[in-house]
Protein backbone atom coordinates (compact mmCIF):
# COMPACT_ATOMS: atom_id res chain seq x y z
CA MET A 1 -6.11 -120.50 46.40
CA ALA A 2 -8.36 -122.15 43.88
CA ASN A 3 -11.68 -120.49 43.18
CA HIS A 4 -14.62 -122.42 44.59
CA ALA A 5 -17.78 -122.61 42.54
CA ALA A 6 -20.39 -120.14 43.73
CA VAL A 7 -24.05 -120.87 44.25
CA PRO A 8 -25.57 -120.49 40.78
CA LEU A 9 -27.63 -117.36 40.27
CA VAL A 10 -31.27 -118.24 39.66
CA LEU A 11 -32.53 -116.58 36.47
CA ARG A 12 -36.10 -115.43 36.10
CA GLU A 13 -38.28 -117.32 33.66
CA GLY A 14 -37.51 -116.43 30.05
CA ASP A 15 -34.49 -114.24 30.93
CA ARG A 16 -31.76 -116.60 29.65
CA ASP A 17 -32.73 -116.23 26.01
CA GLU A 18 -32.95 -112.46 26.37
CA LEU A 19 -29.58 -112.26 28.12
CA ILE A 20 -27.98 -114.33 25.35
CA ARG A 21 -29.53 -112.03 22.76
CA MET A 22 -28.12 -109.01 24.60
CA THR A 23 -24.59 -110.45 24.46
CA ARG A 24 -24.84 -111.08 20.71
CA ALA A 25 -26.69 -107.98 19.50
CA SER A 26 -24.30 -105.96 17.33
CA SER A 27 -26.29 -102.77 17.95
CA GLY A 28 -26.28 -103.16 21.73
CA ARG A 29 -24.03 -101.10 24.01
CA ALA A 30 -20.83 -102.84 25.16
CA GLY A 31 -21.62 -102.13 28.82
CA LEU A 32 -25.02 -103.79 28.62
CA ALA A 33 -23.53 -106.86 26.85
CA LEU A 34 -20.87 -107.12 29.59
CA ARG A 35 -23.51 -107.11 32.34
CA ALA A 36 -25.54 -109.76 30.53
CA ARG A 37 -22.42 -111.99 30.33
CA ILE A 38 -21.80 -111.50 34.07
CA VAL A 39 -25.33 -112.64 34.91
CA LEU A 40 -25.15 -115.64 32.56
CA LEU A 41 -21.81 -116.78 34.02
CA ALA A 42 -23.19 -116.33 37.53
CA ALA A 43 -26.15 -118.51 36.54
CA ASP A 44 -23.65 -121.17 35.41
CA GLY A 45 -22.16 -121.24 38.93
CA LEU A 46 -18.82 -119.47 38.34
CA SER A 47 -17.35 -117.60 41.29
CA ASN A 48 -17.28 -113.82 41.32
CA THR A 49 -13.48 -113.78 40.94
CA ALA A 50 -13.59 -116.17 37.99
CA ILE A 51 -16.31 -114.14 36.28
CA GLY A 52 -14.26 -110.97 36.75
CA GLU A 53 -11.20 -112.55 35.20
CA ARG A 54 -13.20 -113.86 32.24
CA VAL A 55 -14.99 -110.62 31.37
CA GLY A 56 -12.27 -108.19 32.50
CA ALA A 57 -14.11 -106.65 35.46
CA THR A 58 -13.34 -106.26 39.15
CA ARG A 59 -14.88 -108.55 41.75
CA PRO A 60 -16.96 -105.70 43.34
CA THR A 61 -18.35 -104.90 39.89
CA VAL A 62 -19.46 -108.50 39.40
CA ILE A 63 -21.04 -108.59 42.87
CA GLY A 64 -22.84 -105.30 42.18
CA TRP A 65 -24.44 -106.46 38.93
CA ARG A 66 -25.43 -109.79 40.42
CA ALA A 67 -27.23 -107.92 43.18
CA ARG A 68 -28.91 -105.55 40.70
CA TYR A 69 -30.24 -108.51 38.73
CA VAL A 70 -31.60 -110.16 41.88
CA GLU A 71 -33.40 -106.94 42.86
CA GLN A 72 -34.65 -105.68 39.48
CA GLY A 73 -34.19 -108.39 36.89
CA ILE A 74 -33.01 -107.49 33.37
CA ASP A 75 -34.29 -103.91 33.77
CA GLY A 76 -31.70 -103.43 36.51
CA LEU A 77 -28.86 -103.92 34.02
CA ALA A 78 -29.64 -100.62 32.22
CA ASP A 79 -27.62 -97.46 32.92
CA GLU A 80 -28.85 -95.16 35.66
CA PRO A 81 -28.42 -91.38 35.35
CA ARG A 82 -25.08 -90.33 36.77
CA ALA A 83 -24.20 -87.06 38.45
CA GLY A 84 -22.53 -84.68 36.02
CA ARG A 85 -23.78 -86.48 32.92
CA PRO A 86 -26.21 -84.22 30.98
CA ARG A 87 -29.49 -85.84 30.04
CA VAL A 88 -29.99 -85.87 26.29
CA ILE A 89 -33.52 -84.94 25.18
CA ASP A 90 -34.34 -83.98 21.60
CA HIS A 91 -36.52 -81.06 20.50
CA ALA A 92 -39.51 -83.28 19.77
CA GLN A 93 -39.60 -84.46 23.39
CA ILE A 94 -39.34 -80.90 24.70
CA VAL A 95 -42.14 -79.70 22.43
CA ALA A 96 -44.32 -82.65 23.43
CA ALA A 97 -43.78 -81.84 27.12
CA THR A 98 -44.47 -78.13 26.50
CA LEU A 99 -47.82 -78.86 24.87
CA GLU A 100 -48.97 -80.79 27.93
CA PRO A 101 -50.45 -78.58 30.70
CA PRO A 102 -48.31 -78.18 33.84
CA PRO A 103 -49.31 -80.29 36.86
CA ARG A 104 -52.01 -78.66 38.97
CA LYS A 105 -49.75 -78.63 42.02
CA LEU A 106 -47.48 -76.07 40.32
CA GLY A 107 -50.33 -73.56 40.23
CA VAL A 108 -49.30 -72.09 36.85
CA THR A 109 -51.18 -71.80 33.56
CA HIS A 110 -48.23 -72.50 31.25
CA TRP A 111 -44.64 -73.67 31.31
CA SER A 112 -41.66 -71.39 31.81
CA SER A 113 -38.28 -72.57 30.58
CA ARG A 114 -37.06 -72.99 34.16
CA LEU A 115 -40.10 -74.96 35.34
CA LEU A 116 -39.97 -77.28 32.34
CA GLY A 117 -36.19 -77.63 32.66
CA ASP A 118 -36.60 -78.72 36.29
CA ARG A 119 -39.34 -81.14 35.22
CA LEU A 120 -37.22 -82.76 32.48
CA GLY A 121 -33.90 -82.56 34.31
CA ILE A 122 -32.20 -80.32 31.75
CA SER A 123 -31.16 -76.67 31.64
CA ASN A 124 -33.58 -73.85 30.93
CA GLY A 125 -31.22 -72.75 28.15
CA THR A 126 -31.80 -76.06 26.37
CA ILE A 127 -35.56 -75.55 26.72
CA ALA A 128 -35.34 -72.01 25.34
CA LYS A 129 -33.21 -73.17 22.40
CA ALA A 130 -35.76 -75.86 21.49
CA TRP A 131 -38.63 -73.34 21.75
CA ARG A 132 -36.85 -70.92 19.42
CA ALA A 133 -36.07 -73.66 16.91
CA CYS A 134 -39.66 -74.92 16.85
CA GLY A 135 -41.47 -71.58 17.09
CA ILE A 136 -43.01 -72.36 20.50
CA GLN A 137 -43.95 -69.37 22.72
CA PRO A 138 -45.86 -70.60 25.79
CA TRP A 139 -45.99 -67.11 27.34
CA ARG A 140 -48.10 -65.75 24.47
CA CYS A 141 -51.87 -66.03 24.27
CA GLU A 142 -54.00 -64.47 21.55
CA THR A 143 -57.75 -64.02 21.36
CA PHE A 144 -60.37 -65.08 18.86
CA LYS A 145 -64.09 -64.56 18.60
CA PHE A 146 -66.80 -66.41 16.74
CA SER A 147 -69.61 -64.61 15.01
CA THR A 148 -72.99 -65.94 16.10
CA ASP A 149 -74.82 -63.96 13.44
CA PRO A 150 -77.48 -66.23 11.85
CA GLU A 151 -76.89 -64.38 8.56
CA LEU A 152 -73.12 -64.85 8.67
CA VAL A 153 -72.81 -66.53 5.27
CA ALA A 154 -75.07 -64.05 3.50
CA LYS A 155 -73.38 -60.98 5.01
CA VAL A 156 -69.83 -62.19 4.36
CA THR A 157 -70.74 -63.07 0.78
CA ASP A 158 -72.39 -59.68 0.30
CA VAL A 159 -69.57 -57.54 1.71
CA VAL A 160 -66.72 -59.51 0.14
CA GLY A 161 -68.59 -59.45 -3.17
CA LEU A 162 -68.57 -55.64 -3.01
CA TYR A 163 -64.82 -55.64 -2.39
CA LEU A 164 -63.88 -58.11 -5.12
CA ALA A 165 -66.41 -57.04 -7.76
CA PRO A 166 -67.80 -53.57 -7.00
CA PRO A 167 -70.89 -52.51 -9.01
CA GLU A 168 -70.19 -50.45 -12.12
CA ASN A 169 -70.67 -46.68 -11.86
CA ALA A 170 -70.97 -46.95 -8.06
CA VAL A 171 -68.76 -46.06 -5.11
CA VAL A 172 -68.06 -48.49 -2.28
CA LEU A 173 -67.39 -46.76 1.05
CA CYS A 174 -66.43 -48.35 4.36
CA VAL A 175 -67.94 -46.29 7.16
CA ASP A 176 -67.35 -46.33 10.91
CA GLU A 177 -66.30 -44.18 13.84
CA LYS A 178 -63.27 -44.27 16.13
CA SER A 179 -64.50 -43.07 19.51
CA GLN A 180 -62.86 -41.91 22.73
CA ILE A 181 -59.67 -40.58 21.12
CA GLN A 182 -57.94 -38.87 24.03
CA ALA A 183 -56.20 -35.50 23.85
CA LEU A 184 -53.18 -36.34 26.02
CA ASP A 185 -50.47 -33.83 26.84
CA ARG A 186 -47.22 -35.12 28.35
CA THR A 187 -45.89 -33.47 31.49
CA ALA A 188 -42.55 -32.80 29.78
CA PRO A 189 -41.51 -32.40 26.13
CA MET A 190 -40.67 -35.58 24.24
CA LEU A 191 -37.01 -36.42 23.79
CA PRO A 192 -36.38 -36.77 20.04
CA LEU A 193 -35.03 -39.74 18.14
CA ARG A 194 -31.24 -40.07 18.23
CA PRO A 195 -28.80 -42.60 16.74
CA GLY A 196 -28.93 -45.55 19.09
CA LEU A 197 -31.85 -44.09 21.07
CA ALA A 198 -35.58 -44.29 20.46
CA ALA A 199 -37.78 -41.24 20.93
CA ARG A 200 -38.83 -41.02 24.59
CA ARG A 201 -41.75 -39.55 26.47
CA THR A 202 -42.85 -39.33 30.07
CA HIS A 203 -45.12 -42.04 31.43
CA ASP A 204 -47.50 -39.51 32.97
CA TYR A 205 -49.79 -37.12 31.11
CA LYS A 206 -52.60 -34.60 31.36
CA ARG A 207 -56.05 -35.33 29.93
CA HIS A 208 -57.80 -32.64 27.90
CA GLY A 209 -60.95 -34.50 26.78
CA THR A 210 -61.85 -36.80 23.91
CA THR A 211 -63.10 -36.68 20.34
CA THR A 212 -64.81 -39.13 17.97
CA LEU A 213 -63.54 -39.55 14.42
CA PHE A 214 -66.14 -40.49 11.78
CA ALA A 215 -64.63 -41.76 8.53
CA ALA A 216 -65.71 -43.12 5.14
CA LEU A 217 -62.98 -44.91 3.17
CA GLU A 218 -63.39 -45.23 -0.60
CA ILE A 219 -61.75 -48.59 -1.30
CA ALA A 220 -61.13 -47.91 -5.01
CA THR A 221 -58.92 -44.89 -4.32
CA GLY A 222 -58.14 -44.90 -0.59
CA GLN A 223 -59.60 -41.39 -0.25
CA VAL A 224 -61.16 -40.64 3.14
CA THR A 225 -64.08 -38.39 4.00
CA ALA A 226 -64.00 -37.63 7.71
CA ALA A 227 -65.32 -35.49 10.53
CA CYS A 228 -64.49 -35.07 14.22
CA LYS A 229 -67.46 -34.90 16.58
CA PRO A 230 -67.68 -34.51 20.36
CA ARG A 231 -70.00 -37.50 20.80
CA ARG A 232 -70.88 -40.83 19.19
CA ARG A 233 -74.67 -40.76 18.91
CA HIS A 234 -77.04 -41.37 16.06
CA GLN A 235 -77.40 -37.60 15.63
CA GLU A 236 -73.68 -37.22 14.87
CA PHE A 237 -73.71 -40.30 12.67
CA LEU A 238 -76.64 -39.05 10.61
CA THR A 239 -74.96 -35.66 10.18
CA PHE A 240 -71.87 -37.47 8.92
CA LEU A 241 -73.89 -39.57 6.46
CA LYS A 242 -75.29 -36.37 5.00
CA GLN A 243 -71.72 -35.05 4.66
CA VAL A 244 -70.74 -38.22 2.78
CA ALA A 245 -73.75 -37.89 0.49
CA ARG A 246 -72.73 -34.30 -0.35
CA ALA A 247 -69.15 -35.45 -1.06
CA TYR A 248 -70.48 -37.87 -3.73
CA PRO A 249 -73.42 -36.09 -5.40
CA ASP A 250 -75.46 -38.01 -7.97
CA ARG A 251 -73.50 -41.24 -7.40
CA GLN A 252 -74.72 -44.65 -6.33
CA LEU A 253 -73.17 -45.31 -2.91
CA HIS A 254 -72.71 -48.67 -1.21
CA LEU A 255 -71.88 -48.24 2.48
CA VAL A 256 -70.26 -51.04 4.49
CA MET A 257 -71.07 -50.60 8.20
CA ASP A 258 -71.13 -52.62 11.41
CA ASN A 259 -74.11 -53.31 13.64
CA TYR A 260 -73.62 -50.48 16.16
CA ALA A 261 -77.00 -49.35 17.52
CA ALA A 262 -76.62 -45.79 16.24
CA HIS A 263 -76.31 -47.12 12.69
CA LYS A 264 -79.76 -48.72 12.92
CA ARG A 265 -81.77 -45.99 14.62
CA VAL A 266 -85.13 -45.21 13.06
CA GLU A 267 -83.95 -41.69 12.14
CA VAL A 268 -81.06 -43.18 10.16
CA LYS A 269 -83.33 -45.74 8.49
CA ASP A 270 -85.84 -43.05 7.50
CA TRP A 271 -83.11 -40.90 5.95
CA LEU A 272 -81.70 -43.86 4.01
CA ALA A 273 -85.19 -44.73 2.76
CA ALA A 274 -85.53 -41.15 1.49
CA ASN A 275 -82.18 -41.49 -0.33
CA PRO A 276 -82.41 -44.75 -2.31
CA ARG A 277 -79.16 -44.08 -4.15
CA ILE A 278 -77.42 -45.02 -0.89
CA GLN A 279 -77.44 -48.72 0.01
CA VAL A 280 -76.16 -50.15 3.29
CA HIS A 281 -74.35 -53.48 3.68
CA PHE A 282 -73.90 -54.64 7.28
CA THR A 283 -70.96 -56.75 8.40
CA PRO A 284 -71.79 -59.81 10.54
CA THR A 285 -72.01 -59.43 14.30
CA SER A 286 -68.55 -59.58 15.93
CA ALA A 287 -66.88 -59.21 12.53
CA SER A 288 -65.98 -55.53 12.31
CA TRP A 289 -62.58 -56.65 10.92
CA LEU A 290 -64.47 -57.16 7.66
CA ASN A 291 -64.80 -53.38 7.41
CA LEU A 292 -61.73 -51.99 5.63
CA VAL A 293 -61.96 -48.64 7.35
CA GLU A 294 -60.69 -50.44 10.47
CA VAL A 295 -57.39 -50.89 8.64
CA TRP A 296 -57.24 -47.15 8.04
CA PHE A 297 -58.07 -46.45 11.70
CA ALA A 298 -55.07 -48.57 12.66
CA ILE A 299 -52.88 -46.52 10.31
CA ILE A 300 -53.91 -43.13 11.69
CA GLU A 301 -53.57 -44.43 15.27
CA ARG A 302 -50.05 -45.68 14.60
CA GLN A 303 -48.79 -42.81 12.43
CA ALA A 304 -50.47 -39.74 13.93
CA ILE A 305 -52.39 -40.21 17.17
CA HIS A 306 -50.54 -42.57 19.48
CA ARG A 307 -47.29 -40.61 19.78
CA GLY A 308 -48.84 -37.15 19.53
CA THR A 309 -49.17 -34.59 22.31
CA TYR A 310 -52.26 -32.37 22.43
CA THR A 311 -52.98 -29.31 24.53
CA SER A 312 -56.74 -29.47 23.87
CA VAL A 313 -59.42 -31.34 21.95
CA ARG A 314 -59.27 -28.57 19.35
CA ASP A 315 -55.54 -29.22 18.94
CA LEU A 316 -56.22 -32.95 18.59
CA ASN A 317 -58.89 -32.37 15.94
CA GLN A 318 -56.62 -30.07 13.96
CA LYS A 319 -53.83 -32.65 13.89
CA ILE A 320 -56.24 -35.40 12.85
CA ARG A 321 -57.48 -33.23 9.98
CA ALA A 322 -53.88 -32.45 8.99
CA PHE A 323 -53.13 -36.18 8.77
CA ILE A 324 -56.25 -36.78 6.66
CA THR A 325 -55.28 -34.00 4.25
CA GLY A 326 -51.81 -35.49 3.85
CA TRP A 327 -53.27 -38.97 3.54
CA ASN A 328 -55.63 -38.00 0.71
CA ASP A 329 -52.68 -36.52 -1.19
CA ARG A 330 -50.88 -39.87 -1.13
CA ALA A 331 -53.86 -42.25 -0.90
CA HIS A 332 -53.82 -45.66 -2.56
CA PRO A 333 -56.50 -48.28 -3.21
CA PHE A 334 -57.31 -50.82 -0.52
CA THR A 335 -57.30 -54.25 -2.15
CA TRP A 336 -59.19 -57.17 -0.64
CA THR A 337 -57.75 -60.60 -1.51
CA LYS A 338 -59.69 -63.30 0.37
CA THR A 339 -62.83 -64.81 -1.17
CA ALA A 340 -65.97 -65.37 0.85
CA ASP A 341 -65.44 -69.13 0.71
CA GLU A 342 -61.93 -68.82 2.14
CA ILE A 343 -63.18 -66.63 4.99
CA LEU A 344 -66.12 -68.88 5.81
CA ALA A 345 -63.88 -71.94 5.83
CA LYS A 346 -61.74 -70.31 8.54
CA ALA A 347 -64.83 -69.19 10.44
CA ASN A 348 -65.81 -72.82 11.00
CA ARG A 349 -65.78 -73.32 14.79
CA GLN A 350 -64.49 -76.90 14.55
CA ASN A 351 -61.46 -75.80 12.56
CA THR A 352 -60.39 -73.17 15.09
CA SER A 353 -61.26 -74.67 18.43
CA ASN A 354 -60.45 -77.80 20.35
CA THR A 355 -63.81 -77.69 22.08
CA ALA A 356 -65.59 -80.99 21.59
CA HIS A 357 -69.15 -79.68 21.72
């Protein structure tokens, strides 16, 4: 039976030129060009069977694409996601989606690989791979703190100047205290390090009190003058300052300290006034990291205190003193590398915060 001409498909305004372009574009996908030809032939009044024979498609296929064009226009000729076909998303798209906050309805503060995978329609393994490749870790959150000290610039310049160009014939000492060091005794002996096994300790412990470690670090040599005290008051601090003064007789001393209240008590100020060879340089408020003795405190915590077991405060103090003795035998200078200008440039609030005020 001869094919009868079908009712011509009515094209939307401006679509004919675009459909013709789609059939001729060398970079276009073959499937999209085929669908454009089907619609153009249908607009010319050819029957569905004749169109199928001309383009090499089945009659149901022709009918389907005609219907899609009627419903959705040219946009309806694009591929729809098919079951079993993985959706291809590059790393840039995954990172961009990760940096956007999750929808409020999810009730979470940050994306997990599974939540984002469900959102984008891809596997959580693909998300994790992209995060690793791009150095993205949504589960991590670090802290920062701005110094509101009105003398920030002057204090940073002063302290860093001491580090980079210490006065001749003078000693620069970084002074502070590490308080509330606990004498903890485990309820069972530690299991020692073994090949393939880390050293192990019980999670529970017995408390035997606390001690406070006062320390003065000489940056030129790394030598430490220290004392363990039961409390952290101005009385103990002043006693320690006198110990430091005796350790460096007849020398000009420049002490770098933070703004702890005990450091500024009238008794401490009076003693410093009576000993003019000792000058104090205060770090800015909320900038104790500028004090190099904090680096040494981290070392003793990591190498001697954290994994130790102590049957009493006296035992704790003895082991702290043993570490300090060993440290002074192998001490090395503490070298500061950043200039004041470099530090102050990073301290600029606008450079480290997205806050718009």
